[in-house]
N, C-alpha and C. Protein backbone atom coordinates (compact mmCIF):
# COMPACT_ATOMS: atom_id res chain seq x y z
N MET A 1 162.81 84.71 -51.65
CA MET A 1 163.51 86.00 -51.55
C MET A 1 162.78 86.93 -50.58
N THR A 2 163.55 87.79 -49.92
CA THR A 2 162.96 88.81 -49.07
C THR A 2 162.30 89.88 -49.96
N VAL A 3 161.54 90.75 -49.31
CA VAL A 3 160.89 91.83 -50.05
C VAL A 3 161.97 92.71 -50.71
N VAL A 4 163.05 92.98 -49.98
CA VAL A 4 164.12 93.82 -50.52
C VAL A 4 164.75 93.15 -51.74
N GLU A 5 165.01 91.84 -51.65
CA GLU A 5 165.61 91.13 -52.78
C GLU A 5 164.66 91.11 -53.96
N THR A 6 163.37 90.93 -53.70
CA THR A 6 162.38 90.91 -54.77
C THR A 6 162.35 92.26 -55.50
N GLU A 7 162.42 93.33 -54.73
CA GLU A 7 162.44 94.66 -55.34
C GLU A 7 163.74 94.88 -56.12
N LEU A 8 164.84 94.35 -55.59
CA LEU A 8 166.13 94.53 -56.25
C LEU A 8 166.16 93.86 -57.61
N VAL A 9 165.73 92.60 -57.69
CA VAL A 9 165.85 91.88 -58.96
C VAL A 9 164.87 92.37 -60.01
N ALA A 10 163.99 93.27 -59.64
CA ALA A 10 163.13 93.91 -60.63
C ALA A 10 163.87 95.02 -61.38
N GLN A 11 165.06 95.39 -60.88
CA GLN A 11 165.87 96.44 -61.49
C GLN A 11 166.69 95.87 -62.66
N PRO A 12 167.28 96.76 -63.48
CA PRO A 12 168.19 96.28 -64.54
C PRO A 12 169.33 95.47 -63.94
N LEU A 13 169.84 94.53 -64.72
CA LEU A 13 170.83 93.59 -64.20
C LEU A 13 172.07 94.30 -63.65
N SER A 14 172.53 95.36 -64.29
CA SER A 14 173.73 96.05 -63.79
C SER A 14 173.50 96.61 -62.39
N VAL A 15 172.29 97.06 -62.12
CA VAL A 15 171.95 97.57 -60.79
C VAL A 15 171.86 96.41 -59.80
N VAL A 16 171.26 95.32 -60.23
CA VAL A 16 171.12 94.14 -59.37
C VAL A 16 172.48 93.67 -58.88
N VAL A 17 173.43 93.50 -59.80
CA VAL A 17 174.73 92.94 -59.40
C VAL A 17 175.56 93.95 -58.62
N ARG A 18 175.43 95.22 -58.94
CA ARG A 18 176.21 96.24 -58.20
C ARG A 18 175.68 96.40 -56.78
N GLU A 19 174.38 96.65 -56.68
CA GLU A 19 173.80 96.91 -55.36
C GLU A 19 173.70 95.64 -54.52
N GLY A 20 173.42 94.53 -55.16
CA GLY A 20 173.23 93.29 -54.42
C GLY A 20 174.51 92.66 -53.93
N SER A 21 175.65 93.12 -54.44
CA SER A 21 176.94 92.53 -54.03
C SER A 21 177.80 93.50 -53.24
N LYS A 22 177.25 94.64 -52.87
CA LYS A 22 178.06 95.66 -52.19
C LYS A 22 178.73 95.13 -50.93
N ALA A 23 177.98 94.44 -50.10
CA ALA A 23 178.53 93.95 -48.83
C ALA A 23 179.65 92.96 -49.08
N ALA A 24 179.44 92.04 -50.03
CA ALA A 24 180.47 91.04 -50.34
C ALA A 24 181.70 91.70 -50.95
N HIS A 25 181.47 92.71 -51.77
CA HIS A 25 182.58 93.44 -52.41
C HIS A 25 183.41 94.17 -51.35
N GLU A 26 182.74 94.84 -50.45
CA GLU A 26 183.43 95.59 -49.40
C GLU A 26 184.21 94.66 -48.47
N GLN A 27 183.65 93.48 -48.22
CA GLN A 27 184.35 92.51 -47.38
C GLN A 27 185.66 92.08 -48.04
N ALA A 28 185.61 91.84 -49.35
CA ALA A 28 186.82 91.43 -50.07
C ALA A 28 187.86 92.55 -50.06
N GLU A 29 187.42 93.78 -50.31
CA GLU A 29 188.35 94.90 -50.36
C GLU A 29 188.97 95.23 -49.00
N GLY A 30 188.23 94.91 -47.92
CA GLY A 30 188.67 95.29 -46.59
C GLY A 30 189.52 94.26 -45.88
N THR A 31 189.94 93.23 -46.55
CA THR A 31 190.76 92.20 -45.90
C THR A 31 192.12 92.78 -45.50
N SER A 32 192.71 92.19 -44.46
CA SER A 32 193.98 92.71 -43.96
C SER A 32 195.09 92.58 -44.99
N PHE A 33 195.07 91.51 -45.78
CA PHE A 33 196.11 91.37 -46.79
C PHE A 33 196.05 92.51 -47.80
N MET A 34 194.87 92.77 -48.34
CA MET A 34 194.76 93.81 -49.36
C MET A 34 195.04 95.18 -48.77
N SER A 35 194.60 95.41 -47.55
CA SER A 35 194.87 96.71 -46.91
C SER A 35 196.37 96.95 -46.78
N GLU A 36 197.10 95.94 -46.31
CA GLU A 36 198.55 96.11 -46.11
C GLU A 36 199.29 96.18 -47.44
N LEU A 37 198.82 95.44 -48.44
CA LEU A 37 199.44 95.52 -49.76
C LEU A 37 199.32 96.95 -50.31
N LEU A 38 198.13 97.51 -50.19
CA LEU A 38 197.89 98.85 -50.74
C LEU A 38 198.55 99.94 -49.92
N GLU A 39 198.90 99.63 -48.68
CA GLU A 39 199.64 100.59 -47.86
C GLU A 39 201.14 100.49 -48.09
N GLY A 40 201.56 99.59 -48.96
CA GLY A 40 202.98 99.45 -49.26
C GLY A 40 203.78 98.79 -48.16
N ARG A 41 203.14 97.95 -47.36
CA ARG A 41 203.80 97.36 -46.20
C ARG A 41 204.31 95.94 -46.44
N LEU A 42 204.05 95.41 -47.63
CA LEU A 42 204.40 94.02 -47.88
C LEU A 42 205.52 93.90 -48.91
N THR A 43 206.21 92.78 -48.84
CA THR A 43 207.34 92.53 -49.72
C THR A 43 206.88 92.10 -51.12
N GLU A 44 207.84 92.03 -52.01
CA GLU A 44 207.55 91.56 -53.37
C GLU A 44 207.06 90.11 -53.36
N GLN A 45 207.47 89.33 -52.36
CA GLN A 45 206.98 87.96 -52.25
C GLN A 45 205.46 87.93 -52.12
N ALA A 46 204.91 88.85 -51.35
CA ALA A 46 203.46 88.91 -51.17
C ALA A 46 202.76 89.16 -52.50
N TYR A 47 203.27 90.12 -53.26
CA TYR A 47 202.64 90.42 -54.55
C TYR A 47 202.81 89.27 -55.53
N ALA A 48 203.97 88.64 -55.53
CA ALA A 48 204.20 87.49 -56.42
C ALA A 48 203.25 86.35 -56.09
N ASP A 49 203.03 86.09 -54.80
CA ASP A 49 202.11 85.02 -54.41
C ASP A 49 200.67 85.37 -54.77
N TYR A 50 200.33 86.64 -54.64
CA TYR A 50 198.99 87.12 -55.04
C TYR A 50 198.77 86.88 -56.54
N LEU A 51 199.72 87.27 -57.34
CA LEU A 51 199.60 87.12 -58.79
C LEU A 51 199.59 85.64 -59.19
N THR A 52 200.45 84.85 -58.55
CA THR A 52 200.49 83.42 -58.84
C THR A 52 199.17 82.76 -58.49
N GLY A 53 198.58 83.15 -57.36
CA GLY A 53 197.31 82.57 -56.95
C GLY A 53 196.17 82.91 -57.88
N LEU A 54 196.21 84.10 -58.47
CA LEU A 54 195.13 84.50 -59.37
C LEU A 54 195.17 83.78 -60.72
N ARG A 55 196.32 83.29 -61.10
CA ARG A 55 196.46 82.72 -62.43
C ARG A 55 195.44 81.64 -62.75
N PRO A 56 195.19 80.65 -61.86
CA PRO A 56 194.21 79.61 -62.20
C PRO A 56 192.80 80.16 -62.40
N VAL A 57 192.48 81.25 -61.72
CA VAL A 57 191.15 81.85 -61.86
C VAL A 57 190.96 82.37 -63.28
N TYR A 58 191.94 83.10 -63.78
CA TYR A 58 191.83 83.64 -65.14
C TYR A 58 191.97 82.55 -66.20
N GLU A 59 192.75 81.55 -65.91
CA GLU A 59 192.86 80.44 -66.85
C GLU A 59 191.50 79.78 -67.03
N ALA A 60 190.79 79.53 -65.92
CA ALA A 60 189.46 78.94 -66.00
C ALA A 60 188.47 79.88 -66.66
N LEU A 61 188.54 81.16 -66.31
CA LEU A 61 187.60 82.13 -66.86
C LEU A 61 187.73 82.22 -68.38
N GLU A 62 188.94 82.22 -68.87
CA GLU A 62 189.13 82.39 -70.30
C GLU A 62 188.88 81.09 -71.07
N GLN A 63 189.17 79.96 -70.44
CA GLN A 63 188.89 78.69 -71.10
C GLN A 63 187.38 78.44 -71.19
N VAL A 64 186.67 78.69 -70.11
CA VAL A 64 185.22 78.50 -70.13
C VAL A 64 184.58 79.49 -71.10
N GLY A 65 185.07 80.71 -71.14
CA GLY A 65 184.54 81.68 -72.09
C GLY A 65 184.68 81.20 -73.52
N ALA A 66 185.85 80.63 -73.83
CA ALA A 66 186.07 80.11 -75.18
C ALA A 66 185.14 78.93 -75.45
N ASP A 67 184.95 78.08 -74.46
CA ASP A 67 184.08 76.92 -74.63
C ASP A 67 182.63 77.33 -74.85
N LEU A 68 182.23 78.46 -74.27
CA LEU A 68 180.84 78.91 -74.37
C LEU A 68 180.61 79.90 -75.51
N ALA A 69 181.62 80.11 -76.35
CA ALA A 69 181.45 81.01 -77.49
C ALA A 69 180.24 80.56 -78.31
N GLY A 70 179.40 81.52 -78.67
CA GLY A 70 178.16 81.21 -79.37
C GLY A 70 176.95 81.33 -78.46
N ASP A 71 177.16 81.24 -77.14
CA ASP A 71 176.08 81.48 -76.19
C ASP A 71 175.79 82.99 -76.21
N PRO A 72 174.54 83.39 -76.44
CA PRO A 72 174.26 84.83 -76.59
C PRO A 72 174.58 85.65 -75.34
N LEU A 73 174.41 85.09 -74.16
CA LEU A 73 174.73 85.83 -72.94
C LEU A 73 176.24 86.03 -72.82
N VAL A 74 176.98 84.99 -73.10
CA VAL A 74 178.44 85.08 -73.01
C VAL A 74 178.98 85.99 -74.10
N ASP A 75 178.49 85.85 -75.29
CA ASP A 75 178.98 86.68 -76.40
C ASP A 75 178.71 88.16 -76.17
N ALA A 76 177.71 88.49 -75.36
CA ALA A 76 177.39 89.89 -75.11
C ALA A 76 178.48 90.60 -74.31
N VAL A 77 179.28 89.83 -73.54
CA VAL A 77 180.29 90.48 -72.70
C VAL A 77 181.72 90.04 -73.02
N ARG A 78 181.88 88.89 -73.62
CA ARG A 78 183.23 88.36 -73.83
C ARG A 78 183.99 89.23 -74.83
N ASP A 79 185.23 89.55 -74.48
CA ASP A 79 186.04 90.45 -75.30
C ASP A 79 187.50 90.13 -75.02
N VAL A 80 188.25 89.80 -76.06
CA VAL A 80 189.66 89.45 -75.85
C VAL A 80 190.45 90.62 -75.28
N ALA A 81 189.95 91.84 -75.46
CA ALA A 81 190.65 93.01 -74.92
C ALA A 81 190.67 93.01 -73.39
N LEU A 82 189.77 92.23 -72.79
CA LEU A 82 189.71 92.15 -71.33
C LEU A 82 190.59 91.03 -70.78
N GLU A 83 190.91 90.05 -71.57
CA GLU A 83 191.52 88.83 -71.05
C GLU A 83 192.89 89.10 -70.44
N ARG A 84 193.16 88.44 -69.31
CA ARG A 84 194.33 88.77 -68.50
C ARG A 84 195.37 87.67 -68.39
N LEU A 85 195.08 86.46 -68.85
CA LEU A 85 196.00 85.36 -68.61
C LEU A 85 197.37 85.62 -69.23
N GLY A 86 197.41 86.09 -70.46
CA GLY A 86 198.69 86.38 -71.10
C GLY A 86 199.45 87.47 -70.35
N ALA A 87 198.71 88.47 -69.83
CA ALA A 87 199.34 89.55 -69.08
C ALA A 87 199.91 89.04 -67.76
N ILE A 88 199.17 88.16 -67.09
CA ILE A 88 199.67 87.58 -65.85
C ILE A 88 200.96 86.80 -66.11
N ASP A 89 200.96 86.00 -67.17
CA ASP A 89 202.16 85.22 -67.48
C ASP A 89 203.35 86.13 -67.79
N ALA A 90 203.07 87.23 -68.49
CA ALA A 90 204.14 88.18 -68.78
C ALA A 90 204.69 88.79 -67.49
N ASP A 91 203.81 89.13 -66.57
CA ASP A 91 204.24 89.71 -65.30
C ASP A 91 204.98 88.69 -64.44
N LEU A 92 204.54 87.45 -64.47
CA LEU A 92 205.20 86.43 -63.66
C LEU A 92 206.63 86.16 -64.13
N ALA A 93 206.92 86.50 -65.38
CA ALA A 93 208.31 86.39 -65.83
C ALA A 93 209.20 87.33 -65.02
N HIS A 94 208.59 88.41 -64.51
CA HIS A 94 209.33 89.35 -63.66
C HIS A 94 209.20 88.99 -62.18
N TRP A 95 207.95 88.77 -61.72
CA TRP A 95 207.68 88.59 -60.30
C TRP A 95 207.87 87.16 -59.80
N GLY A 96 207.83 86.22 -60.71
CA GLY A 96 207.83 84.81 -60.30
C GLY A 96 209.01 84.42 -59.43
N ARG A 97 210.14 85.06 -59.62
CA ARG A 97 211.32 84.69 -58.83
C ARG A 97 211.15 85.04 -57.35
N HIS A 98 210.18 85.89 -57.04
CA HIS A 98 209.94 86.26 -55.65
C HIS A 98 208.89 85.36 -54.99
N ALA A 99 208.18 84.56 -55.77
CA ALA A 99 207.07 83.77 -55.24
C ALA A 99 207.55 82.67 -54.30
N THR A 100 206.68 82.29 -53.38
CA THR A 100 206.97 81.20 -52.46
C THR A 100 207.05 79.90 -53.24
N PRO A 101 208.15 79.19 -53.22
CA PRO A 101 208.26 77.94 -54.00
C PRO A 101 207.21 76.91 -53.58
N GLY A 102 206.55 76.36 -54.57
CA GLY A 102 205.59 75.29 -54.33
C GLY A 102 204.30 75.70 -53.65
N LEU A 103 204.07 77.00 -53.49
CA LEU A 103 202.85 77.45 -52.81
C LEU A 103 201.63 77.17 -53.69
N VAL A 104 200.65 76.48 -53.12
CA VAL A 104 199.41 76.16 -53.82
C VAL A 104 198.26 76.81 -53.08
N SER A 105 197.37 77.46 -53.80
CA SER A 105 196.22 78.12 -53.19
C SER A 105 194.99 77.23 -53.31
N ASP A 106 194.53 76.71 -52.18
CA ASP A 106 193.29 75.94 -52.18
C ASP A 106 192.11 76.84 -52.52
N ALA A 107 192.19 78.10 -52.10
CA ALA A 107 191.09 79.03 -52.33
C ALA A 107 190.89 79.30 -53.82
N THR A 108 191.98 79.56 -54.53
CA THR A 108 191.79 79.86 -55.95
C THR A 108 191.56 78.58 -56.77
N ALA A 109 191.97 77.44 -56.26
CA ALA A 109 191.60 76.18 -56.92
C ALA A 109 190.09 76.00 -56.85
N ALA A 110 189.52 76.31 -55.69
CA ALA A 110 188.06 76.23 -55.53
C ALA A 110 187.36 77.27 -56.39
N TYR A 111 187.96 78.45 -56.48
CA TYR A 111 187.41 79.53 -57.30
C TYR A 111 187.39 79.10 -58.77
N ALA A 112 188.48 78.55 -59.25
CA ALA A 112 188.56 78.10 -60.64
C ALA A 112 187.55 77.00 -60.91
N GLU A 113 187.36 76.12 -59.95
CA GLU A 113 186.38 75.04 -60.12
C GLU A 113 184.96 75.60 -60.19
N ARG A 114 184.68 76.63 -59.39
CA ARG A 114 183.37 77.27 -59.44
C ARG A 114 183.13 77.89 -60.81
N ILE A 115 184.15 78.50 -61.38
CA ILE A 115 184.01 79.08 -62.72
C ILE A 115 183.77 78.00 -63.75
N ARG A 116 184.49 76.88 -63.64
CA ARG A 116 184.25 75.78 -64.59
C ARG A 116 182.83 75.25 -64.47
N ALA A 117 182.31 75.19 -63.26
CA ALA A 117 180.93 74.74 -63.06
C ALA A 117 179.93 75.72 -63.65
N ALA A 118 180.33 76.98 -63.78
CA ALA A 118 179.45 78.01 -64.33
C ALA A 118 179.17 77.80 -65.82
N SER A 119 179.87 76.87 -66.44
CA SER A 119 179.60 76.57 -67.85
C SER A 119 178.22 75.96 -68.03
N ALA A 120 177.56 75.60 -66.92
CA ALA A 120 176.22 75.02 -66.99
C ALA A 120 175.19 75.99 -67.56
N TRP A 121 175.42 77.28 -67.39
CA TRP A 121 174.51 78.30 -67.91
C TRP A 121 175.28 79.60 -68.13
N GLY A 122 175.08 80.21 -69.27
CA GLY A 122 175.82 81.41 -69.62
C GLY A 122 175.69 82.52 -68.61
N GLY A 123 174.54 82.63 -67.95
CA GLY A 123 174.34 83.69 -66.96
C GLY A 123 175.27 83.55 -65.78
N LEU A 124 175.58 82.32 -65.40
CA LEU A 124 176.52 82.10 -64.29
C LEU A 124 177.92 82.54 -64.71
N TYR A 125 178.28 82.23 -65.95
CA TYR A 125 179.59 82.67 -66.44
C TYR A 125 179.67 84.19 -66.47
N VAL A 126 178.61 84.84 -66.92
CA VAL A 126 178.58 86.31 -66.97
C VAL A 126 178.84 86.89 -65.58
N ALA A 127 178.32 86.24 -64.53
CA ALA A 127 178.53 86.72 -63.16
C ALA A 127 180.02 86.79 -62.84
N HIS A 128 180.77 85.77 -63.20
CA HIS A 128 182.21 85.76 -62.92
C HIS A 128 182.96 86.72 -63.83
N HIS A 129 182.52 86.81 -65.08
CA HIS A 129 183.14 87.74 -66.03
C HIS A 129 183.01 89.17 -65.50
N TYR A 130 181.82 89.52 -65.08
CA TYR A 130 181.56 90.85 -64.53
C TYR A 130 182.41 91.10 -63.28
N THR A 131 182.40 90.16 -62.36
CA THR A 131 183.09 90.33 -61.09
C THR A 131 184.58 90.58 -61.27
N ARG A 132 185.21 89.80 -62.14
CA ARG A 132 186.65 89.93 -62.31
C ARG A 132 187.01 91.10 -63.21
N TYR A 133 186.47 91.13 -64.41
CA TYR A 133 186.98 92.09 -65.39
C TYR A 133 186.55 93.52 -65.12
N LEU A 134 185.32 93.73 -64.66
CA LEU A 134 184.96 95.11 -64.35
C LEU A 134 185.71 95.58 -63.11
N GLY A 135 186.02 94.66 -62.21
CA GLY A 135 186.89 95.02 -61.09
C GLY A 135 188.28 95.39 -61.56
N ASP A 136 188.80 94.65 -62.54
CA ASP A 136 190.13 94.95 -63.08
C ASP A 136 190.17 96.32 -63.73
N LEU A 137 189.07 96.71 -64.36
CA LEU A 137 189.01 98.01 -65.03
C LEU A 137 188.68 99.15 -64.08
N SER A 138 188.38 98.82 -62.83
CA SER A 138 188.04 99.84 -61.84
C SER A 138 189.14 99.90 -60.79
N GLY A 139 188.92 99.27 -59.64
CA GLY A 139 189.92 99.29 -58.59
C GLY A 139 191.24 98.67 -59.00
N GLY A 140 191.20 97.75 -59.94
CA GLY A 140 192.43 97.09 -60.39
C GLY A 140 193.44 98.08 -60.95
N LEU A 141 192.97 99.09 -61.64
CA LEU A 141 193.89 100.08 -62.21
C LEU A 141 194.59 100.86 -61.11
N ALA A 142 193.86 101.14 -60.02
CA ALA A 142 194.46 101.84 -58.89
C ALA A 142 195.49 100.95 -58.20
N ILE A 143 195.19 99.66 -58.09
CA ILE A 143 196.15 98.72 -57.50
C ILE A 143 197.43 98.72 -58.31
N GLY A 144 197.30 98.73 -59.61
CA GLY A 144 198.48 98.73 -60.47
C GLY A 144 199.38 99.93 -60.22
N ARG A 145 198.77 101.09 -60.06
CA ARG A 145 199.56 102.30 -59.80
C ARG A 145 200.30 102.19 -58.46
N ILE A 146 199.62 101.65 -57.46
CA ILE A 146 200.24 101.51 -56.13
C ILE A 146 201.36 100.48 -56.17
N VAL A 147 201.14 99.36 -56.84
CA VAL A 147 202.18 98.34 -56.96
C VAL A 147 203.42 98.92 -57.65
N GLY A 148 203.19 99.68 -58.70
CA GLY A 148 204.31 100.29 -59.40
C GLY A 148 205.12 101.20 -58.51
N ARG A 149 204.43 102.04 -57.72
CA ARG A 149 205.13 102.96 -56.82
C ARG A 149 205.84 102.21 -55.69
N THR A 150 205.16 101.23 -55.12
CA THR A 150 205.71 100.51 -53.97
C THR A 150 207.00 99.79 -54.31
N TYR A 151 207.01 99.11 -55.44
CA TYR A 151 208.14 98.26 -55.78
C TYR A 151 209.03 98.85 -56.88
N GLY A 152 208.72 100.06 -57.29
CA GLY A 152 209.52 100.67 -58.34
C GLY A 152 209.44 99.90 -59.65
N ALA A 153 208.27 99.34 -59.92
CA ALA A 153 208.10 98.50 -61.11
C ALA A 153 207.63 99.34 -62.29
N GLY A 154 208.15 99.02 -63.46
CA GLY A 154 207.76 99.71 -64.68
C GLY A 154 206.68 98.95 -65.44
N PRO A 155 206.25 99.49 -66.57
CA PRO A 155 205.18 98.86 -67.36
C PRO A 155 205.46 97.41 -67.72
N GLU A 156 206.73 97.06 -67.89
CA GLU A 156 207.07 95.70 -68.29
C GLU A 156 206.70 94.67 -67.21
N ALA A 157 206.49 95.12 -65.97
CA ALA A 157 206.13 94.23 -64.88
C ALA A 157 204.69 94.42 -64.43
N LEU A 158 203.93 95.24 -65.16
CA LEU A 158 202.56 95.58 -64.75
C LEU A 158 201.57 95.40 -65.90
N ALA A 159 201.81 94.39 -66.72
CA ALA A 159 200.92 94.14 -67.86
C ALA A 159 199.50 93.79 -67.41
N PHE A 160 199.38 93.21 -66.22
CA PHE A 160 198.07 92.83 -65.69
C PHE A 160 197.11 94.02 -65.64
N TYR A 161 197.66 95.21 -65.47
CA TYR A 161 196.84 96.40 -65.32
C TYR A 161 196.79 97.25 -66.58
N ALA A 162 197.31 96.74 -67.66
CA ALA A 162 197.31 97.46 -68.93
C ALA A 162 196.28 96.85 -69.87
N PHE A 163 195.45 97.69 -70.44
CA PHE A 163 194.41 97.24 -71.38
C PHE A 163 194.60 98.00 -72.70
N PRO A 164 195.57 97.61 -73.50
CA PRO A 164 195.85 98.37 -74.72
C PRO A 164 194.69 98.41 -75.71
N GLY A 165 193.80 97.44 -75.62
CA GLY A 165 192.67 97.41 -76.53
C GLY A 165 191.48 98.23 -76.06
N ILE A 166 191.60 98.85 -74.88
CA ILE A 166 190.51 99.65 -74.32
C ILE A 166 191.04 101.06 -74.08
N GLU A 167 190.63 101.99 -74.91
CA GLU A 167 191.20 103.34 -74.86
C GLU A 167 190.77 104.09 -73.61
N LYS A 168 189.47 104.01 -73.28
CA LYS A 168 188.94 104.74 -72.12
C LYS A 168 188.08 103.80 -71.29
N PRO A 169 188.52 103.47 -70.07
CA PRO A 169 187.78 102.51 -69.25
C PRO A 169 186.34 102.90 -68.95
N LYS A 170 186.07 104.16 -68.64
CA LYS A 170 184.70 104.52 -68.23
C LYS A 170 183.67 104.29 -69.33
N PRO A 171 183.88 104.80 -70.55
CA PRO A 171 182.89 104.51 -71.59
C PRO A 171 182.76 103.00 -71.86
N TYR A 172 183.87 102.28 -71.75
CA TYR A 172 183.81 100.83 -71.95
C TYR A 172 182.93 100.19 -70.88
N LYS A 173 183.12 100.59 -69.63
CA LYS A 173 182.33 100.00 -68.55
C LYS A 173 180.85 100.38 -68.69
N ASP A 174 180.59 101.59 -69.11
CA ASP A 174 179.20 102.01 -69.33
C ASP A 174 178.54 101.14 -70.40
N ALA A 175 179.26 100.89 -71.48
CA ALA A 175 178.72 100.06 -72.56
C ALA A 175 178.54 98.62 -72.09
N TYR A 176 179.47 98.15 -71.28
CA TYR A 176 179.38 96.79 -70.73
C TYR A 176 178.10 96.66 -69.89
N ARG A 177 177.87 97.63 -69.01
CA ARG A 177 176.67 97.58 -68.17
C ARG A 177 175.39 97.64 -69.01
N ALA A 178 175.44 98.41 -70.10
CA ALA A 178 174.28 98.47 -70.99
C ALA A 178 174.01 97.11 -71.61
N ARG A 179 175.07 96.38 -71.93
CA ARG A 179 174.88 95.03 -72.48
C ARG A 179 174.31 94.08 -71.43
N LEU A 180 174.73 94.25 -70.19
CA LEU A 180 174.11 93.45 -69.12
C LEU A 180 172.61 93.73 -69.05
N ASP A 181 172.26 95.00 -69.09
CA ASP A 181 170.86 95.39 -68.95
C ASP A 181 170.00 94.91 -70.12
N ALA A 182 170.62 94.70 -71.26
CA ALA A 182 169.88 94.26 -72.45
C ALA A 182 169.66 92.75 -72.47
N MET A 183 170.28 92.03 -71.53
CA MET A 183 170.10 90.57 -71.52
C MET A 183 168.66 90.21 -71.18
N PRO A 184 168.06 89.30 -71.93
CA PRO A 184 166.65 88.95 -71.71
C PRO A 184 166.47 87.97 -70.55
N LEU A 185 166.70 88.45 -69.34
CA LEU A 185 166.62 87.59 -68.16
C LEU A 185 165.40 87.96 -67.32
N ASP A 186 164.73 86.94 -66.79
CA ASP A 186 163.63 87.22 -65.87
C ASP A 186 164.19 87.42 -64.47
N GLU A 187 163.32 87.72 -63.53
CA GLU A 187 163.79 88.06 -62.18
C GLU A 187 164.46 86.87 -61.49
N GLY A 188 163.97 85.68 -61.73
CA GLY A 188 164.60 84.51 -61.15
C GLY A 188 166.00 84.29 -61.70
N GLN A 189 166.17 84.54 -62.98
CA GLN A 189 167.50 84.40 -63.59
C GLN A 189 168.45 85.48 -63.09
N LYS A 190 167.95 86.70 -62.92
CA LYS A 190 168.80 87.76 -62.38
C LYS A 190 169.22 87.43 -60.95
N ALA A 191 168.33 86.81 -60.20
CA ALA A 191 168.69 86.40 -58.84
C ALA A 191 169.80 85.35 -58.86
N ARG A 192 169.77 84.45 -59.84
CA ARG A 192 170.85 83.46 -59.95
C ARG A 192 172.18 84.10 -60.29
N VAL A 193 172.14 85.09 -61.18
CA VAL A 193 173.38 85.80 -61.53
C VAL A 193 173.94 86.49 -60.29
N LEU A 194 173.07 87.16 -59.53
CA LEU A 194 173.51 87.85 -58.33
C LEU A 194 174.11 86.88 -57.32
N GLU A 195 173.49 85.75 -57.13
CA GLU A 195 174.02 84.75 -56.20
C GLU A 195 175.43 84.32 -56.61
N GLU A 196 175.65 84.20 -57.91
CA GLU A 196 176.96 83.78 -58.40
C GLU A 196 177.99 84.90 -58.26
N VAL A 197 177.58 86.14 -58.44
CA VAL A 197 178.48 87.26 -58.20
C VAL A 197 178.92 87.26 -56.74
N ARG A 198 177.98 87.08 -55.84
CA ARG A 198 178.33 87.03 -54.41
C ARG A 198 179.27 85.86 -54.12
N ALA A 199 179.04 84.73 -54.76
CA ALA A 199 179.93 83.58 -54.56
C ALA A 199 181.34 83.91 -55.04
N GLY A 200 181.45 84.61 -56.15
CA GLY A 200 182.76 85.00 -56.66
C GLY A 200 183.50 85.89 -55.67
N PHE A 201 182.80 86.87 -55.11
CA PHE A 201 183.43 87.74 -54.12
C PHE A 201 183.84 86.95 -52.88
N ALA A 202 183.00 86.01 -52.45
CA ALA A 202 183.32 85.20 -51.27
C ALA A 202 184.57 84.36 -51.51
N LEU A 203 184.70 83.81 -52.70
CA LEU A 203 185.88 83.01 -53.02
C LEU A 203 187.12 83.89 -53.09
N ASN A 204 186.97 85.09 -53.59
CA ASN A 204 188.09 86.02 -53.62
C ASN A 204 188.50 86.39 -52.19
N THR A 205 187.53 86.60 -51.32
CA THR A 205 187.81 86.90 -49.92
C THR A 205 188.56 85.74 -49.26
N ALA A 206 188.17 84.51 -49.59
CA ALA A 206 188.85 83.34 -49.04
C ALA A 206 190.31 83.30 -49.48
N PHE A 207 190.58 83.72 -50.70
CA PHE A 207 191.95 83.79 -51.19
C PHE A 207 192.74 84.82 -50.39
N PHE A 208 192.14 85.98 -50.16
CA PHE A 208 192.82 87.01 -49.38
C PHE A 208 193.07 86.55 -47.95
N ALA A 209 192.13 85.80 -47.39
CA ALA A 209 192.32 85.28 -46.03
C ALA A 209 193.48 84.30 -45.99
N GLU A 210 193.60 83.52 -47.04
CA GLU A 210 194.72 82.57 -47.16
C GLU A 210 196.04 83.32 -47.16
N LEU A 211 196.11 84.39 -47.92
CA LEU A 211 197.32 85.21 -47.98
C LEU A 211 197.56 85.93 -46.65
N ALA A 212 196.48 86.36 -46.01
CA ALA A 212 196.61 87.07 -44.73
C ALA A 212 197.24 86.19 -43.66
N ALA A 213 197.05 84.88 -43.77
CA ALA A 213 197.66 83.97 -42.80
C ALA A 213 199.18 83.98 -42.89
N ARG A 214 199.70 84.55 -43.97
CA ARG A 214 201.15 84.61 -44.17
C ARG A 214 201.71 86.03 -43.98
N LEU A 215 200.93 86.90 -43.37
CA LEU A 215 201.36 88.30 -43.27
C LEU A 215 202.67 88.48 -42.52
N ASP A 216 202.92 87.67 -41.52
CA ASP A 216 204.18 87.80 -40.80
C ASP A 216 205.38 87.55 -41.72
N THR A 217 205.17 86.67 -42.69
CA THR A 217 206.22 86.39 -43.67
C THR A 217 206.33 87.51 -44.69
N TYR A 218 205.19 88.09 -45.03
CA TYR A 218 205.14 89.06 -46.10
C TYR A 218 205.50 90.49 -45.70
N ARG A 219 205.45 90.81 -44.44
CA ARG A 219 205.68 92.20 -44.05
C ARG A 219 207.12 92.61 -44.29
N ALA A 220 207.25 93.80 -44.88
CA ALA A 220 208.59 94.32 -45.13
C ALA A 220 209.25 94.66 -43.80
N ALA A 221 210.54 94.45 -43.71
CA ALA A 221 211.27 94.75 -42.47
C ALA A 221 211.32 96.24 -42.22
């Protein structure tokens, strides 16, 4: 590790993963697909393909979480109130008719496989749990509002962004980060978690790049 990385992993885990993944996070958020989606420039097909592509990621995340129940690291963060697979399926009942028939995402297949491989150690799973679910409770809520306005969609089509079991996102996220910080991890283990968080963002960016290759198809007339 560099001197900067060595100093970073001496910090609490929530600081390590937030500060150490900033560049990867910003790269994912700044992709052309996500920028145009949030600007309201893309058709419902684009959003349907986005949601369809994410489904295998959450399926793997929730299955591996269930398989690792009893692991103290996993149990510290796992919460059914966060799980999104049922919400995605509910939304796809609305959006699925707009999706590209037979479209398969190699990027999210690789992402799901990486999550399944994370079952080797609970800390690796926590990295993916943090990356997806805390993102859903942060920027994800803003995405939901924009999607609703862009397509005139009501709550029945936006279950992915609804967390009925979480009354206030900020206190929940604060408590989540406190649980991360309480994990008994040494600096080498925190570095492994950070590496996996960065890998998760990179895989997410690859998915957005895949969708960006279809922007000519997705742009609204």
